[in-house]
N, C-alpha and C. Protein backbone atom coordinates (compact mmCIF):
# COMPACT_ATOMS: atom_id res chain seq x y z
N MET A 1 0.84 -1.17 0.00
CA MET A 1 0.00 0.00 0.00
C MET A 1 0.89 1.24 0.00
N ASP A 2 0.52 2.22 -0.84
CA ASP A 2 1.28 3.45 -0.91
C ASP A 2 0.87 4.37 0.23
N SER A 3 1.82 5.14 0.74
CA SER A 3 1.50 6.08 1.81
C SER A 3 2.14 7.42 1.51
N PRO A 4 1.58 8.50 2.08
CA PRO A 4 2.13 9.83 1.83
C PRO A 4 3.60 9.89 2.23
N GLY A 5 4.37 10.64 1.48
CA GLY A 5 5.78 10.80 1.79
C GLY A 5 6.65 9.69 1.23
N ARG A 6 6.03 8.62 0.71
CA ARG A 6 6.79 7.51 0.12
C ARG A 6 6.52 7.46 -1.37
N TYR A 7 7.45 6.88 -2.07
CA TYR A 7 7.20 6.60 -3.48
C TYR A 7 6.15 5.49 -3.58
N THR A 8 5.52 5.38 -4.73
CA THR A 8 4.54 4.32 -4.93
C THR A 8 5.25 2.97 -4.99
N ALA A 9 4.52 1.91 -4.74
CA ALA A 9 5.10 0.56 -4.81
C ALA A 9 5.66 0.30 -6.20
N THR A 10 4.99 0.80 -7.23
CA THR A 10 5.48 0.62 -8.60
C THR A 10 6.81 1.33 -8.79
N ALA A 11 6.91 2.57 -8.32
CA ALA A 11 8.16 3.33 -8.45
C ALA A 11 9.29 2.64 -7.69
N ILE A 12 8.99 2.15 -6.50
CA ILE A 12 10.00 1.46 -5.69
C ILE A 12 10.46 0.19 -6.40
N GLY A 13 9.52 -0.59 -6.91
CA GLY A 13 9.87 -1.82 -7.61
C GLY A 13 10.71 -1.54 -8.84
N LEU A 14 10.30 -0.56 -9.65
CA LEU A 14 11.07 -0.21 -10.85
C LEU A 14 12.48 0.27 -10.47
N HIS A 15 12.57 1.08 -9.43
CA HIS A 15 13.87 1.60 -8.99
C HIS A 15 14.83 0.45 -8.69
N TRP A 16 14.39 -0.50 -7.87
CA TRP A 16 15.29 -1.57 -7.43
C TRP A 16 15.57 -2.59 -8.54
N VAL A 17 14.60 -2.89 -9.37
CA VAL A 17 14.84 -3.81 -10.49
C VAL A 17 15.84 -3.20 -11.46
N VAL A 18 15.65 -1.93 -11.79
CA VAL A 18 16.57 -1.27 -12.72
C VAL A 18 17.97 -1.15 -12.09
N ALA A 19 18.04 -0.85 -10.79
CA ALA A 19 19.34 -0.75 -10.12
C ALA A 19 20.10 -2.07 -10.22
N VAL A 20 19.41 -3.17 -9.92
CA VAL A 20 20.06 -4.49 -9.99
C VAL A 20 20.49 -4.81 -11.42
N LEU A 21 19.63 -4.50 -12.40
CA LEU A 21 19.97 -4.76 -13.79
C LEU A 21 21.18 -3.94 -14.24
N ILE A 22 21.21 -2.67 -13.85
CA ILE A 22 22.34 -1.82 -14.24
C ILE A 22 23.64 -2.35 -13.64
N LEU A 23 23.63 -2.65 -12.36
CA LEU A 23 24.85 -3.15 -11.72
C LEU A 23 25.26 -4.50 -12.30
N GLY A 24 24.29 -5.39 -12.51
CA GLY A 24 24.60 -6.68 -13.11
C GLY A 24 25.10 -6.55 -14.53
N GLY A 25 24.43 -5.69 -15.32
CA GLY A 25 24.85 -5.48 -16.70
C GLY A 25 26.23 -4.85 -16.80
N ALA A 26 26.52 -3.91 -15.90
CA ALA A 26 27.84 -3.27 -15.90
C ALA A 26 28.92 -4.29 -15.54
N GLY A 27 28.64 -5.08 -14.49
CA GLY A 27 29.61 -6.12 -14.10
C GLY A 27 29.84 -7.12 -15.22
N LEU A 28 28.76 -7.54 -15.84
CA LEU A 28 28.87 -8.49 -16.95
C LEU A 28 29.65 -7.88 -18.11
N GLY A 29 29.39 -6.62 -18.41
CA GLY A 29 30.12 -5.94 -19.48
C GLY A 29 31.61 -5.86 -19.21
N MET A 30 31.97 -5.57 -17.95
CA MET A 30 33.39 -5.47 -17.60
C MET A 30 34.08 -6.83 -17.68
N VAL A 31 33.42 -7.85 -17.19
CA VAL A 31 34.00 -9.20 -17.22
C VAL A 31 34.12 -9.68 -18.66
N THR A 32 33.08 -9.44 -19.45
CA THR A 32 33.05 -9.91 -20.83
C THR A 32 34.15 -9.25 -21.66
N ALA A 33 34.42 -7.99 -21.38
CA ALA A 33 35.44 -7.27 -22.16
C ALA A 33 36.81 -7.91 -22.03
N ASP A 34 37.06 -8.58 -20.90
CA ASP A 34 38.37 -9.19 -20.66
C ASP A 34 38.46 -10.65 -21.09
N LEU A 35 37.34 -11.22 -21.53
CA LEU A 35 37.36 -12.63 -21.95
C LEU A 35 37.94 -12.76 -23.35
N PRO A 36 38.64 -13.86 -23.62
CA PRO A 36 39.08 -14.10 -25.00
C PRO A 36 37.87 -14.44 -25.86
N PHE A 37 37.98 -14.21 -27.15
CA PHE A 37 36.88 -14.52 -28.07
C PHE A 37 36.55 -16.00 -27.95
N SER A 38 35.28 -16.26 -27.65
CA SER A 38 34.83 -17.64 -27.44
C SER A 38 33.31 -17.67 -27.46
N PRO A 39 32.71 -18.86 -27.53
CA PRO A 39 31.25 -18.94 -27.44
C PRO A 39 30.73 -18.36 -26.11
N ARG A 40 31.49 -18.57 -25.02
CA ARG A 40 31.07 -18.01 -23.72
C ARG A 40 31.02 -16.49 -23.80
N GLN A 41 32.06 -15.89 -24.36
CA GLN A 41 32.08 -14.43 -24.47
C GLN A 41 30.89 -13.95 -25.30
N LEU A 42 30.60 -14.59 -26.41
CA LEU A 42 29.49 -14.18 -27.26
C LEU A 42 28.15 -14.30 -26.51
N GLN A 43 27.99 -15.37 -25.75
CA GLN A 43 26.75 -15.54 -24.98
C GLN A 43 26.62 -14.46 -23.92
N TRP A 44 27.71 -14.18 -23.21
CA TRP A 44 27.66 -13.16 -22.17
C TRP A 44 27.43 -11.77 -22.75
N ILE A 45 27.98 -11.52 -23.95
CA ILE A 45 27.70 -10.25 -24.62
C ILE A 45 26.21 -10.16 -24.94
N SER A 46 25.63 -11.28 -25.36
CA SER A 46 24.18 -11.28 -25.62
C SER A 46 23.42 -10.96 -24.34
N TYR A 47 23.81 -11.55 -23.22
CA TYR A 47 23.14 -11.26 -21.95
C TYR A 47 23.27 -9.77 -21.61
N HIS A 48 24.45 -9.23 -21.84
CA HIS A 48 24.70 -7.81 -21.58
C HIS A 48 23.75 -6.95 -22.43
N LYS A 49 23.61 -7.32 -23.69
CA LYS A 49 22.71 -6.57 -24.58
C LYS A 49 21.27 -6.69 -24.13
N TRP A 50 20.86 -7.89 -23.73
CA TRP A 50 19.47 -8.09 -23.29
C TRP A 50 19.19 -7.26 -22.04
N ILE A 51 20.16 -7.21 -21.15
CA ILE A 51 20.00 -6.39 -19.94
C ILE A 51 19.88 -4.92 -20.34
N GLY A 52 20.72 -4.49 -21.28
CA GLY A 52 20.67 -3.09 -21.73
C GLY A 52 19.34 -2.72 -22.35
N VAL A 53 18.80 -3.59 -23.20
CA VAL A 53 17.50 -3.33 -23.80
C VAL A 53 16.42 -3.29 -22.72
N THR A 54 16.50 -4.19 -21.76
CA THR A 54 15.53 -4.22 -20.66
C THR A 54 15.62 -2.95 -19.82
N VAL A 55 16.82 -2.49 -19.53
CA VAL A 55 16.99 -1.24 -18.78
C VAL A 55 16.37 -0.09 -19.56
N PHE A 56 16.61 -0.05 -20.86
CA PHE A 56 16.03 1.01 -21.70
C PHE A 56 14.50 0.99 -21.60
N LEU A 57 13.92 -0.20 -21.79
CA LEU A 57 12.45 -0.32 -21.75
C LEU A 57 11.89 0.06 -20.38
N LEU A 58 12.54 -0.42 -19.32
CA LEU A 58 12.07 -0.08 -17.98
C LEU A 58 12.28 1.40 -17.66
N ALA A 59 13.33 2.01 -18.22
CA ALA A 59 13.54 3.45 -18.02
C ALA A 59 12.41 4.24 -18.68
N VAL A 60 11.95 3.79 -19.84
CA VAL A 60 10.80 4.44 -20.47
C VAL A 60 9.56 4.30 -19.59
N VAL A 61 9.34 3.08 -19.06
CA VAL A 61 8.20 2.86 -18.16
C VAL A 61 8.33 3.76 -16.93
N ARG A 62 9.53 3.81 -16.36
CA ARG A 62 9.76 4.65 -15.17
C ARG A 62 9.47 6.11 -15.47
N LEU A 63 9.94 6.56 -16.62
CA LEU A 63 9.73 7.96 -16.99
C LEU A 63 8.25 8.25 -17.17
N LEU A 64 7.52 7.36 -17.84
CA LEU A 64 6.08 7.55 -18.01
C LEU A 64 5.36 7.52 -16.66
N TRP A 65 5.79 6.60 -15.77
CA TRP A 65 5.20 6.52 -14.44
C TRP A 65 5.46 7.81 -13.67
N ARG A 66 6.69 8.27 -13.77
CA ARG A 66 7.08 9.48 -13.03
C ARG A 66 6.30 10.71 -13.49
N LEU A 67 6.02 10.77 -14.80
CA LEU A 67 5.25 11.90 -15.31
C LEU A 67 3.81 11.90 -14.78
N GLN A 68 3.30 10.73 -14.46
CA GLN A 68 1.94 10.60 -13.95
C GLN A 68 1.87 10.63 -12.42
N HIS A 69 3.00 10.38 -11.76
CA HIS A 69 3.04 10.30 -10.30
C HIS A 69 4.19 11.17 -9.80
N PRO A 70 3.89 12.36 -9.33
CA PRO A 70 4.97 13.25 -8.90
C PRO A 70 5.76 12.69 -7.71
N VAL A 71 6.95 13.17 -7.59
CA VAL A 71 7.83 12.77 -6.49
C VAL A 71 7.18 13.21 -5.18
N PRO A 72 7.15 12.33 -4.17
CA PRO A 72 6.57 12.74 -2.89
C PRO A 72 7.39 13.86 -2.25
N ALA A 73 6.70 14.64 -1.46
CA ALA A 73 7.37 15.74 -0.77
C ALA A 73 8.51 15.20 0.09
N LEU A 74 9.56 15.97 0.17
CA LEU A 74 10.70 15.57 1.00
C LEU A 74 10.29 15.55 2.46
N PRO A 75 10.75 14.54 3.20
CA PRO A 75 10.35 14.42 4.60
C PRO A 75 11.11 15.37 5.52
N ALA A 76 12.17 15.95 5.04
CA ALA A 76 12.97 16.83 5.89
C ALA A 76 13.33 18.08 5.08
N ALA A 77 13.48 19.18 5.79
CA ALA A 77 13.89 20.41 5.11
C ALA A 77 15.31 20.22 4.60
N MET A 78 15.47 20.40 3.32
CA MET A 78 16.80 20.27 2.72
C MET A 78 17.19 21.61 2.13
N PRO A 79 18.48 21.94 2.18
CA PRO A 79 18.92 23.18 1.54
C PRO A 79 18.59 23.14 0.04
N ALA A 80 18.34 24.29 -0.52
CA ALA A 80 17.97 24.39 -1.94
C ALA A 80 19.02 23.74 -2.84
N TRP A 81 20.30 23.91 -2.50
CA TRP A 81 21.34 23.35 -3.38
C TRP A 81 21.25 21.83 -3.41
N GLN A 82 20.90 21.19 -2.28
CA GLN A 82 20.76 19.74 -2.26
C GLN A 82 19.56 19.30 -3.09
N GLN A 83 18.47 20.06 -3.01
CA GLN A 83 17.29 19.74 -3.81
C GLN A 83 17.62 19.84 -5.30
N HIS A 84 18.32 20.90 -5.70
CA HIS A 84 18.69 21.07 -7.11
C HIS A 84 19.65 19.97 -7.56
N PHE A 85 20.58 19.63 -6.69
CA PHE A 85 21.54 18.56 -7.01
C PHE A 85 20.82 17.23 -7.18
N ALA A 86 19.85 16.95 -6.30
CA ALA A 86 19.08 15.71 -6.39
C ALA A 86 18.28 15.68 -7.69
N GLN A 87 17.66 16.79 -8.05
CA GLN A 87 16.89 16.85 -9.30
C GLN A 87 17.79 16.66 -10.51
N ALA A 88 18.95 17.30 -10.50
CA ALA A 88 19.89 17.15 -11.62
C ALA A 88 20.40 15.71 -11.72
N THR A 89 20.66 15.10 -10.57
CA THR A 89 21.12 13.71 -10.54
C THR A 89 20.07 12.79 -11.13
N HIS A 90 18.81 12.97 -10.74
CA HIS A 90 17.75 12.11 -11.27
C HIS A 90 17.56 12.32 -12.78
N LEU A 91 17.65 13.56 -13.23
CA LEU A 91 17.54 13.83 -14.66
C LEU A 91 18.68 13.13 -15.42
N LEU A 92 19.89 13.22 -14.87
CA LEU A 92 21.04 12.57 -15.51
C LEU A 92 20.88 11.05 -15.50
N PHE A 93 20.31 10.49 -14.45
CA PHE A 93 20.02 9.05 -14.44
C PHE A 93 19.15 8.67 -15.63
N TYR A 94 18.06 9.39 -15.84
CA TYR A 94 17.16 9.07 -16.95
C TYR A 94 17.88 9.20 -18.29
N VAL A 95 18.65 10.26 -18.45
CA VAL A 95 19.38 10.46 -19.71
C VAL A 95 20.31 9.27 -19.96
N LEU A 96 21.08 8.88 -18.95
CA LEU A 96 22.03 7.78 -19.13
C LEU A 96 21.35 6.42 -19.29
N MET A 97 20.24 6.19 -18.56
CA MET A 97 19.54 4.92 -18.70
C MET A 97 18.95 4.74 -20.10
N LEU A 98 18.66 5.85 -20.76
CA LEU A 98 18.15 5.79 -22.13
C LEU A 98 19.28 5.81 -23.15
N LEU A 99 20.29 6.61 -22.90
CA LEU A 99 21.36 6.83 -23.87
C LEU A 99 22.36 5.67 -23.94
N ILE A 100 22.76 5.13 -22.82
CA ILE A 100 23.78 4.08 -22.82
C ILE A 100 23.33 2.85 -23.62
N PRO A 101 22.11 2.34 -23.41
CA PRO A 101 21.69 1.19 -24.23
C PRO A 101 21.61 1.51 -25.72
N VAL A 102 21.17 2.73 -26.06
CA VAL A 102 21.08 3.10 -27.48
C VAL A 102 22.47 3.17 -28.09
N ILE A 103 23.44 3.71 -27.35
CA ILE A 103 24.81 3.76 -27.86
C ILE A 103 25.36 2.35 -28.04
N GLY A 104 25.07 1.45 -27.10
CA GLY A 104 25.49 0.06 -27.25
C GLY A 104 24.86 -0.60 -28.47
N TRP A 105 23.59 -0.32 -28.69
CA TRP A 105 22.87 -0.83 -29.86
C TRP A 105 23.49 -0.28 -31.14
N MET A 106 23.81 1.02 -31.13
CA MET A 106 24.47 1.63 -32.29
C MET A 106 25.84 0.98 -32.54
N GLN A 107 26.55 0.69 -31.45
CA GLN A 107 27.86 0.03 -31.58
C GLN A 107 27.70 -1.33 -32.25
N SER A 108 26.73 -2.11 -31.80
CA SER A 108 26.48 -3.42 -32.41
C SER A 108 26.15 -3.28 -33.89
N SER A 109 25.31 -2.30 -34.21
CA SER A 109 24.96 -2.07 -35.61
C SER A 109 26.20 -1.72 -36.42
N ALA A 110 27.02 -0.84 -35.89
CA ALA A 110 28.24 -0.42 -36.61
C ALA A 110 29.23 -1.57 -36.76
N LEU A 111 29.17 -2.54 -35.85
CA LEU A 111 30.01 -3.74 -35.97
C LEU A 111 29.43 -4.74 -36.96
N GLY A 112 28.16 -4.54 -37.32
CA GLY A 112 27.49 -5.49 -38.19
C GLY A 112 26.97 -6.71 -37.43
N VAL A 113 26.81 -6.56 -36.12
CA VAL A 113 26.33 -7.65 -35.26
C VAL A 113 24.92 -7.28 -34.81
N PRO A 114 23.92 -8.05 -35.20
CA PRO A 114 22.55 -7.70 -34.83
C PRO A 114 22.29 -7.87 -33.34
N VAL A 115 21.36 -7.08 -32.84
CA VAL A 115 20.87 -7.24 -31.48
C VAL A 115 19.56 -8.02 -31.59
N VAL A 116 19.52 -9.17 -30.96
CA VAL A 116 18.32 -10.01 -30.98
C VAL A 116 17.89 -10.17 -29.52
N TYR A 117 16.85 -9.43 -29.15
CA TYR A 117 16.41 -9.38 -27.76
C TYR A 117 15.94 -10.75 -27.30
N PHE A 118 16.58 -11.24 -26.25
CA PHE A 118 16.34 -12.58 -25.70
C PHE A 118 16.46 -13.68 -26.75
N GLY A 119 17.25 -13.41 -27.80
CA GLY A 119 17.47 -14.39 -28.84
C GLY A 119 16.24 -14.64 -29.71
N VAL A 120 15.22 -13.79 -29.56
CA VAL A 120 13.95 -14.01 -30.26
C VAL A 120 13.53 -12.81 -31.11
N VAL A 121 13.66 -11.60 -30.57
CA VAL A 121 13.16 -10.40 -31.24
C VAL A 121 14.33 -9.63 -31.85
N PRO A 122 14.48 -9.69 -33.18
CA PRO A 122 15.57 -8.95 -33.82
C PRO A 122 15.26 -7.45 -33.84
N LEU A 123 16.21 -6.66 -33.37
CA LEU A 123 16.04 -5.22 -33.42
C LEU A 123 16.70 -4.70 -34.69
N PRO A 124 16.13 -3.66 -35.27
CA PRO A 124 16.71 -3.15 -36.53
C PRO A 124 18.08 -2.51 -36.29
N ASP A 125 18.91 -2.58 -37.30
CA ASP A 125 20.20 -1.90 -37.21
C ASP A 125 19.97 -0.39 -37.22
N LEU A 126 20.68 0.32 -36.38
CA LEU A 126 20.55 1.76 -36.30
C LEU A 126 21.54 2.47 -37.22
N LEU A 127 22.62 1.77 -37.56
CA LEU A 127 23.69 2.33 -38.39
C LEU A 127 24.17 1.29 -39.38
N ASN A 128 24.82 1.78 -40.42
CA ASN A 128 25.49 0.87 -41.34
C ASN A 128 26.80 0.41 -40.71
N LYS A 129 27.31 -0.69 -41.21
CA LYS A 129 28.57 -1.22 -40.68
C LYS A 129 29.70 -0.21 -40.91
N ASN A 130 30.44 0.06 -39.82
CA ASN A 130 31.52 1.03 -39.87
C ASN A 130 32.43 0.75 -38.68
N LYS A 131 33.55 0.09 -38.94
CA LYS A 131 34.44 -0.36 -37.88
C LYS A 131 34.98 0.78 -37.03
N GLU A 132 35.37 1.90 -37.66
CA GLU A 132 35.92 3.03 -36.92
C GLU A 132 34.86 3.65 -36.01
N LEU A 133 33.65 3.79 -36.54
CA LEU A 133 32.58 4.34 -35.72
C LEU A 133 32.24 3.39 -34.57
N ALA A 134 32.27 2.09 -34.84
CA ALA A 134 31.99 1.10 -33.79
C ALA A 134 32.98 1.24 -32.64
N GLU A 135 34.24 1.47 -32.96
CA GLU A 135 35.26 1.64 -31.91
C GLU A 135 35.00 2.90 -31.10
N LEU A 136 34.65 4.00 -31.77
CA LEU A 136 34.32 5.23 -31.06
C LEU A 136 33.11 5.02 -30.14
N LEU A 137 32.09 4.34 -30.66
CA LEU A 137 30.88 4.08 -29.86
C LEU A 137 31.19 3.16 -28.68
N ARG A 138 32.10 2.22 -28.86
CA ARG A 138 32.51 1.34 -27.75
C ARG A 138 33.10 2.17 -26.61
N ILE A 139 33.96 3.12 -26.97
CA ILE A 139 34.60 3.97 -25.96
C ILE A 139 33.56 4.85 -25.27
N VAL A 140 32.66 5.44 -26.03
CA VAL A 140 31.62 6.29 -25.46
C VAL A 140 30.70 5.47 -24.55
N HIS A 141 30.29 4.27 -25.01
CA HIS A 141 29.42 3.38 -24.23
C HIS A 141 30.10 3.03 -22.90
N ARG A 142 31.35 2.66 -22.97
CA ARG A 142 32.10 2.29 -21.75
C ARG A 142 32.23 3.48 -20.81
N ASN A 143 32.62 4.64 -21.33
CA ASN A 143 32.83 5.80 -20.47
C ASN A 143 31.53 6.32 -19.86
N PHE A 144 30.45 6.31 -20.64
CA PHE A 144 29.16 6.70 -20.08
C PHE A 144 28.74 5.69 -19.01
N GLY A 145 29.05 4.43 -19.24
CA GLY A 145 28.75 3.40 -18.24
C GLY A 145 29.49 3.66 -16.94
N TYR A 146 30.76 4.00 -17.05
CA TYR A 146 31.53 4.34 -15.84
C TYR A 146 30.94 5.59 -15.18
N GLY A 147 30.51 6.55 -15.98
CA GLY A 147 29.87 7.74 -15.44
C GLY A 147 28.59 7.39 -14.68
N LEU A 148 27.81 6.44 -15.23
CA LEU A 148 26.60 6.00 -14.55
C LEU A 148 26.93 5.32 -13.23
N LEU A 149 27.97 4.51 -13.22
CA LEU A 149 28.39 3.87 -11.96
C LEU A 149 28.83 4.90 -10.93
N ALA A 150 29.53 5.94 -11.38
CA ALA A 150 29.94 7.01 -10.46
C ALA A 150 28.71 7.75 -9.93
N LEU A 151 27.74 7.97 -10.79
CA LEU A 151 26.51 8.64 -10.36
C LEU A 151 25.75 7.78 -9.34
N ILE A 152 25.75 6.47 -9.56
CA ILE A 152 25.13 5.55 -8.60
C ILE A 152 25.84 5.64 -7.25
N ALA A 153 27.17 5.73 -7.28
CA ALA A 153 27.92 5.84 -6.03
C ALA A 153 27.58 7.13 -5.30
N VAL A 154 27.47 8.24 -6.02
CA VAL A 154 27.11 9.52 -5.41
C VAL A 154 25.68 9.44 -4.85
N HIS A 155 24.77 8.88 -5.63
CA HIS A 155 23.37 8.72 -5.23
C HIS A 155 23.26 7.87 -3.96
N THR A 156 23.97 6.77 -3.94
CA THR A 156 23.96 5.87 -2.78
C THR A 156 24.56 6.57 -1.56
N GLY A 157 25.68 7.25 -1.77
CA GLY A 157 26.31 7.99 -0.68
C GLY A 157 25.40 9.05 -0.10
N ALA A 158 24.70 9.77 -0.97
CA ALA A 158 23.78 10.81 -0.49
C ALA A 158 22.62 10.19 0.29
N ALA A 159 22.09 9.08 -0.21
CA ALA A 159 20.98 8.41 0.50
C ALA A 159 21.44 7.93 1.87
N LEU A 160 22.63 7.36 1.93
CA LEU A 160 23.15 6.89 3.21
C LEU A 160 23.46 8.05 4.16
N LYS A 161 23.95 9.15 3.62
CA LYS A 161 24.20 10.34 4.44
C LYS A 161 22.90 10.83 5.07
N HIS A 162 21.84 10.84 4.26
CA HIS A 162 20.55 11.27 4.81
C HIS A 162 20.07 10.31 5.90
N HIS A 163 20.29 9.05 5.70
CA HIS A 163 19.80 8.05 6.65
C HIS A 163 20.63 8.02 7.93
N VAL A 164 21.96 8.01 7.79
CA VAL A 164 22.84 7.83 8.93
C VAL A 164 23.16 9.15 9.64
N THR A 165 23.53 10.16 8.87
CA THR A 165 23.95 11.43 9.47
C THR A 165 22.77 12.34 9.78
N ASP A 166 21.91 12.57 8.77
CA ASP A 166 20.79 13.50 8.94
C ASP A 166 19.62 12.85 9.67
N ARG A 167 19.59 11.52 9.67
CA ARG A 167 18.52 10.76 10.32
C ARG A 167 17.13 11.18 9.85
N ASP A 168 17.01 11.38 8.52
CA ASP A 168 15.70 11.71 7.96
C ASP A 168 15.19 10.52 7.14
N ASP A 169 14.05 10.69 6.51
CA ASP A 169 13.42 9.58 5.80
C ASP A 169 13.63 9.60 4.29
N VAL A 170 14.64 10.32 3.81
CA VAL A 170 14.90 10.38 2.37
C VAL A 170 15.14 8.97 1.81
N LEU A 171 15.93 8.17 2.46
CA LEU A 171 16.20 6.80 1.99
C LEU A 171 14.98 5.90 2.20
N VAL A 172 14.37 5.98 3.34
CA VAL A 172 13.28 5.08 3.70
C VAL A 172 12.13 5.16 2.71
N ARG A 173 11.89 6.33 2.13
CA ARG A 173 10.75 6.47 1.23
C ARG A 173 10.93 5.71 -0.08
N MET A 174 12.15 5.22 -0.36
CA MET A 174 12.38 4.42 -1.56
C MET A 174 12.65 2.95 -1.22
N LEU A 175 12.64 2.60 0.05
CA LEU A 175 12.82 1.21 0.44
C LEU A 175 11.48 0.48 0.43
N PRO A 176 11.50 -0.81 0.08
CA PRO A 176 10.25 -1.56 0.21
C PRO A 176 9.79 -1.52 1.67
N PRO A 177 8.47 -1.48 1.89
CA PRO A 177 8.02 -1.46 3.28
C PRO A 177 8.44 -2.74 4.00
N LEU A 178 9.00 -2.59 5.15
CA LEU A 178 9.46 -3.72 5.92
C LEU A 178 8.51 -3.91 7.11
N LYS A 179 8.15 -5.15 7.34
CA LYS A 179 7.31 -5.43 8.50
C LYS A 179 8.20 -5.48 9.73
N THR A 180 7.76 -4.84 10.77
CA THR A 180 8.53 -4.85 12.00
C THR A 180 7.80 -5.69 13.04
N ARG A 181 8.56 -6.26 13.91
CA ARG A 181 7.96 -7.05 15.00
C ARG A 181 7.39 -6.10 16.02
N PRO A 182 6.27 -6.50 16.63
CA PRO A 182 5.74 -5.65 17.71
C PRO A 182 6.73 -5.65 18.87
N LYS A 183 6.83 -4.52 19.52
CA LYS A 183 7.75 -4.40 20.65
C LYS A 183 7.23 -5.22 21.83
N ALA A 184 8.13 -5.89 22.50
CA ALA A 184 7.76 -6.67 23.67
C ALA A 184 7.44 -5.73 24.82
N ARG A 185 6.49 -6.11 25.62
CA ARG A 185 6.11 -5.26 26.76
C ARG A 185 6.65 -5.80 28.02
């Protein structure tokens, strides 16, 4: 059940599913990049692509949900600069969640390697084959990915700062509701 001051259950679920997918996809991408060319590497690259397409689709869903469901009011008075920083961070999250998968898809197209979502749904090529462009897109995809990981670290640090230092409910409003035991008398 949704309650005032908290994000909706849908927003919370999308947040955590996308977070896990991003971290898993990033880890898989880093590991895969170091593997020698092999069937395993090709399969893991496919998994990485499927995760990327899923993140893109869920980011669109999140954005549409967010447009229909405004952010709940902050539970604690925050300085204006922190509010602006939080808004800018969230905007950058959406930009990167949409842009990074598209750049990866463009890279695959430029390599001449199709993206087939879950091995079933072929996605159209976005670019013609171009090895030099594919290499540039690989670098951009990787660097934007590292930027997203850095943004996640800042976001996590800020949430923990609010929870541990400020002792406010900024973090709690995005956590799944936890059942607590009744206090013993």
